[in-house]
Amino acid sequence: GYSLLVMKIPTLKSLGLRSLKRIGDGGIYITGNKQLCYHHTVNWTRLAARNPSTSKTTTHKSYA
C-alpha cells in the first residue's frame, strides 16, 4: 500500500512537507496534480525506503 497518496488535486501547488524526514512503511504515489511544483526535486526513494528494493515510489506529473 501507500503511505503518501496525492492524486488529481488540480489547484495543489505545494505539498508543504518541509519537516518530513522519513516514511516508515508503504510507498509514495503522486500524480495528476497539474500545478504541483518541485515534487521532482525530492529524493522520495530515500525518504520512503529502509529497504530500497521493496520501495514503491512513483511520482508523475500528468498534463492530460
N, C-alpha and C. Protein backbone atom coordinates (compact mmCIF):
# COMPACT_ATOMS: atom_id res chain seq x y z
N GLY A 1 0.81 -1.18 0.00
CA GLY A 1 0.00 0.00 0.00
C GLY A 1 0.86 1.25 0.00
N TYR A 2 0.19 2.35 0.04
CA TYR A 2 0.84 3.66 0.00
C TYR A 2 0.68 4.38 1.33
N SER A 3 1.74 5.03 1.76
CA SER A 3 1.69 5.89 2.94
C SER A 3 1.37 7.33 2.55
N LEU A 4 1.77 7.72 1.34
CA LEU A 4 1.50 9.07 0.85
C LEU A 4 0.92 8.94 -0.55
N LEU A 5 -0.31 9.37 -0.70
CA LEU A 5 -1.01 9.30 -1.98
C LEU A 5 -1.62 10.67 -2.26
N VAL A 6 -1.19 11.31 -3.35
CA VAL A 6 -1.68 12.64 -3.71
C VAL A 6 -2.10 12.56 -5.17
N MET A 7 -3.41 12.56 -5.42
CA MET A 7 -3.92 12.36 -6.77
C MET A 7 -4.96 13.41 -7.16
N LYS A 8 -4.80 13.93 -8.35
CA LYS A 8 -5.81 14.75 -9.02
C LYS A 8 -6.37 15.88 -8.17
N ILE A 9 -5.45 16.71 -7.65
CA ILE A 9 -5.86 17.92 -6.95
C ILE A 9 -5.39 19.08 -7.82
N PRO A 10 -6.24 19.57 -8.71
CA PRO A 10 -5.82 20.50 -9.76
C PRO A 10 -5.25 21.82 -9.25
N THR A 11 -5.58 22.24 -8.04
CA THR A 11 -5.10 23.52 -7.53
C THR A 11 -3.92 23.38 -6.57
N LEU A 12 -3.45 22.17 -6.33
CA LEU A 12 -2.35 21.93 -5.40
C LEU A 12 -1.04 22.44 -5.98
N LYS A 13 -0.37 23.33 -5.25
CA LYS A 13 0.89 23.90 -5.71
C LYS A 13 2.07 23.42 -4.88
N SER A 14 1.82 23.04 -3.63
CA SER A 14 2.89 22.61 -2.74
C SER A 14 2.37 21.54 -1.80
N LEU A 15 3.22 20.58 -1.48
CA LEU A 15 2.84 19.55 -0.51
C LEU A 15 2.99 20.05 0.92
N GLY A 16 3.87 21.03 1.15
CA GLY A 16 4.04 21.60 2.48
C GLY A 16 4.60 20.63 3.50
N LEU A 17 5.46 19.73 3.06
CA LEU A 17 6.03 18.72 3.95
C LEU A 17 7.49 19.06 4.28
N ARG A 18 7.72 20.24 4.76
CA ARG A 18 9.08 20.74 4.98
C ARG A 18 9.86 19.94 6.02
N SER A 19 9.19 19.36 6.99
CA SER A 19 9.88 18.63 8.06
C SER A 19 9.88 17.12 7.86
N LEU A 20 9.35 16.64 6.76
CA LEU A 20 9.29 15.20 6.52
C LEU A 20 10.71 14.64 6.38
N LYS A 21 11.03 13.69 7.22
CA LYS A 21 12.36 13.08 7.21
C LYS A 21 12.34 11.64 6.71
N ARG A 22 11.23 10.92 6.96
CA ARG A 22 11.18 9.51 6.61
C ARG A 22 9.73 9.06 6.55
N ILE A 23 9.46 8.12 5.66
CA ILE A 23 8.19 7.42 5.61
C ILE A 23 8.52 5.97 5.92
N GLY A 24 8.05 5.49 7.07
CA GLY A 24 8.49 4.21 7.59
C GLY A 24 7.99 2.99 6.83
N ASP A 25 6.81 3.06 6.27
CA ASP A 25 6.26 1.88 5.61
C ASP A 25 5.32 2.34 4.51
N GLY A 26 5.34 1.65 3.39
CA GLY A 26 4.46 1.99 2.28
C GLY A 26 5.16 2.84 1.25
N GLY A 27 4.50 2.99 0.13
CA GLY A 27 5.06 3.74 -0.99
C GLY A 27 4.51 5.14 -1.08
N ILE A 28 4.95 5.81 -2.13
CA ILE A 28 4.53 7.18 -2.41
C ILE A 28 4.04 7.23 -3.84
N TYR A 29 2.86 7.80 -4.05
CA TYR A 29 2.32 7.95 -5.39
C TYR A 29 1.76 9.35 -5.54
N ILE A 30 2.31 10.11 -6.46
CA ILE A 30 1.87 11.48 -6.71
C ILE A 30 1.60 11.62 -8.20
N THR A 31 0.37 11.94 -8.57
CA THR A 31 0.02 12.04 -9.98
C THR A 31 -1.20 12.95 -10.19
N GLY A 32 -1.27 13.54 -11.36
CA GLY A 32 -2.44 14.30 -11.77
C GLY A 32 -2.60 15.64 -11.07
N ASN A 33 -1.52 16.21 -10.58
CA ASN A 33 -1.57 17.49 -9.88
C ASN A 33 -0.87 18.53 -10.77
N LYS A 34 -1.62 19.11 -11.67
CA LYS A 34 -1.06 19.92 -12.76
C LYS A 34 -0.24 21.11 -12.29
N GLN A 35 -0.55 21.68 -11.14
CA GLN A 35 0.16 22.88 -10.68
C GLN A 35 1.21 22.57 -9.61
N LEU A 36 1.40 21.33 -9.26
CA LEU A 36 2.35 20.97 -8.21
C LEU A 36 3.78 21.23 -8.67
N CYS A 37 4.51 21.98 -7.86
CA CYS A 37 5.89 22.36 -8.19
C CYS A 37 6.88 21.62 -7.31
N TYR A 38 8.05 21.38 -7.83
CA TYR A 38 9.21 20.89 -7.12
C TYR A 38 9.10 19.46 -6.57
N HIS A 39 8.04 18.73 -6.86
CA HIS A 39 7.94 17.35 -6.36
C HIS A 39 9.06 16.49 -6.92
N HIS A 40 9.56 16.83 -8.08
CA HIS A 40 10.62 16.05 -8.73
C HIS A 40 11.99 16.32 -8.12
N THR A 41 12.11 17.32 -7.27
CA THR A 41 13.40 17.64 -6.66
C THR A 41 13.63 16.88 -5.35
N VAL A 42 12.62 16.17 -4.87
CA VAL A 42 12.73 15.43 -3.62
C VAL A 42 13.20 14.01 -3.90
N ASN A 43 14.11 13.51 -3.09
CA ASN A 43 14.56 12.13 -3.22
C ASN A 43 13.57 11.25 -2.46
N TRP A 44 12.46 10.92 -3.11
CA TRP A 44 11.38 10.15 -2.48
C TRP A 44 11.84 8.75 -2.09
N THR A 45 12.71 8.16 -2.86
CA THR A 45 13.21 6.82 -2.54
C THR A 45 13.95 6.84 -1.20
N ARG A 46 14.75 7.85 -0.98
CA ARG A 46 15.49 7.95 0.28
C ARG A 46 14.54 8.14 1.46
N LEU A 47 13.48 8.92 1.29
CA LEU A 47 12.51 9.15 2.36
C LEU A 47 11.71 7.89 2.68
N ALA A 48 11.41 7.11 1.67
CA ALA A 48 10.48 6.00 1.84
C ALA A 48 11.12 4.69 2.24
N ALA A 49 12.38 4.53 1.95
CA ALA A 49 12.91 3.17 2.00
C ALA A 49 13.87 2.92 3.14
N ARG A 50 13.52 1.97 3.96
CA ARG A 50 14.51 1.33 4.82
C ARG A 50 15.22 0.29 3.98
N ASN A 51 14.45 -0.34 3.11
CA ASN A 51 14.98 -1.34 2.19
C ASN A 51 14.60 -0.89 0.78
N PRO A 52 15.51 -0.24 0.05
CA PRO A 52 15.18 0.33 -1.27
C PRO A 52 14.63 -0.68 -2.26
N SER A 53 14.95 -1.94 -2.13
CA SER A 53 14.47 -2.93 -3.09
C SER A 53 12.97 -3.19 -2.96
N THR A 54 12.36 -2.84 -1.82
CA THR A 54 10.93 -3.07 -1.64
C THR A 54 10.12 -1.78 -1.73
N SER A 55 10.77 -0.66 -1.97
CA SER A 55 10.09 0.62 -2.05
C SER A 55 9.26 0.73 -3.32
N LYS A 56 8.06 1.28 -3.20
CA LYS A 56 7.19 1.52 -4.36
C LYS A 56 6.98 3.03 -4.47
N THR A 57 7.95 3.70 -4.99
CA THR A 57 7.89 5.16 -5.08
C THR A 57 7.65 5.58 -6.52
N THR A 58 6.55 6.29 -6.75
CA THR A 58 6.21 6.76 -8.08
C THR A 58 5.74 8.20 -7.99
N THR A 59 6.34 9.05 -8.77
CA THR A 59 5.82 10.41 -8.91
C THR A 59 5.63 10.68 -10.39
N HIS A 60 4.51 11.29 -10.71
CA HIS A 60 4.20 11.54 -12.10
C HIS A 60 3.35 12.80 -12.17
N LYS A 61 3.80 13.75 -12.92
CA LYS A 61 3.03 14.98 -13.12
C LYS A 61 2.31 14.87 -14.45
N SER A 62 1.02 14.66 -14.39
CA SER A 62 0.24 14.47 -15.60
C SER A 62 -0.28 15.80 -16.12
N TYR A 63 -0.09 16.05 -17.38
CA TYR A 63 -0.59 17.27 -18.01
C TYR A 63 -1.88 17.04 -18.78
N ALA A 64 -2.37 15.84 -18.74
CA ALA A 64 -3.58 15.49 -19.50
C ALA A 64 -4.83 15.98 -18.83
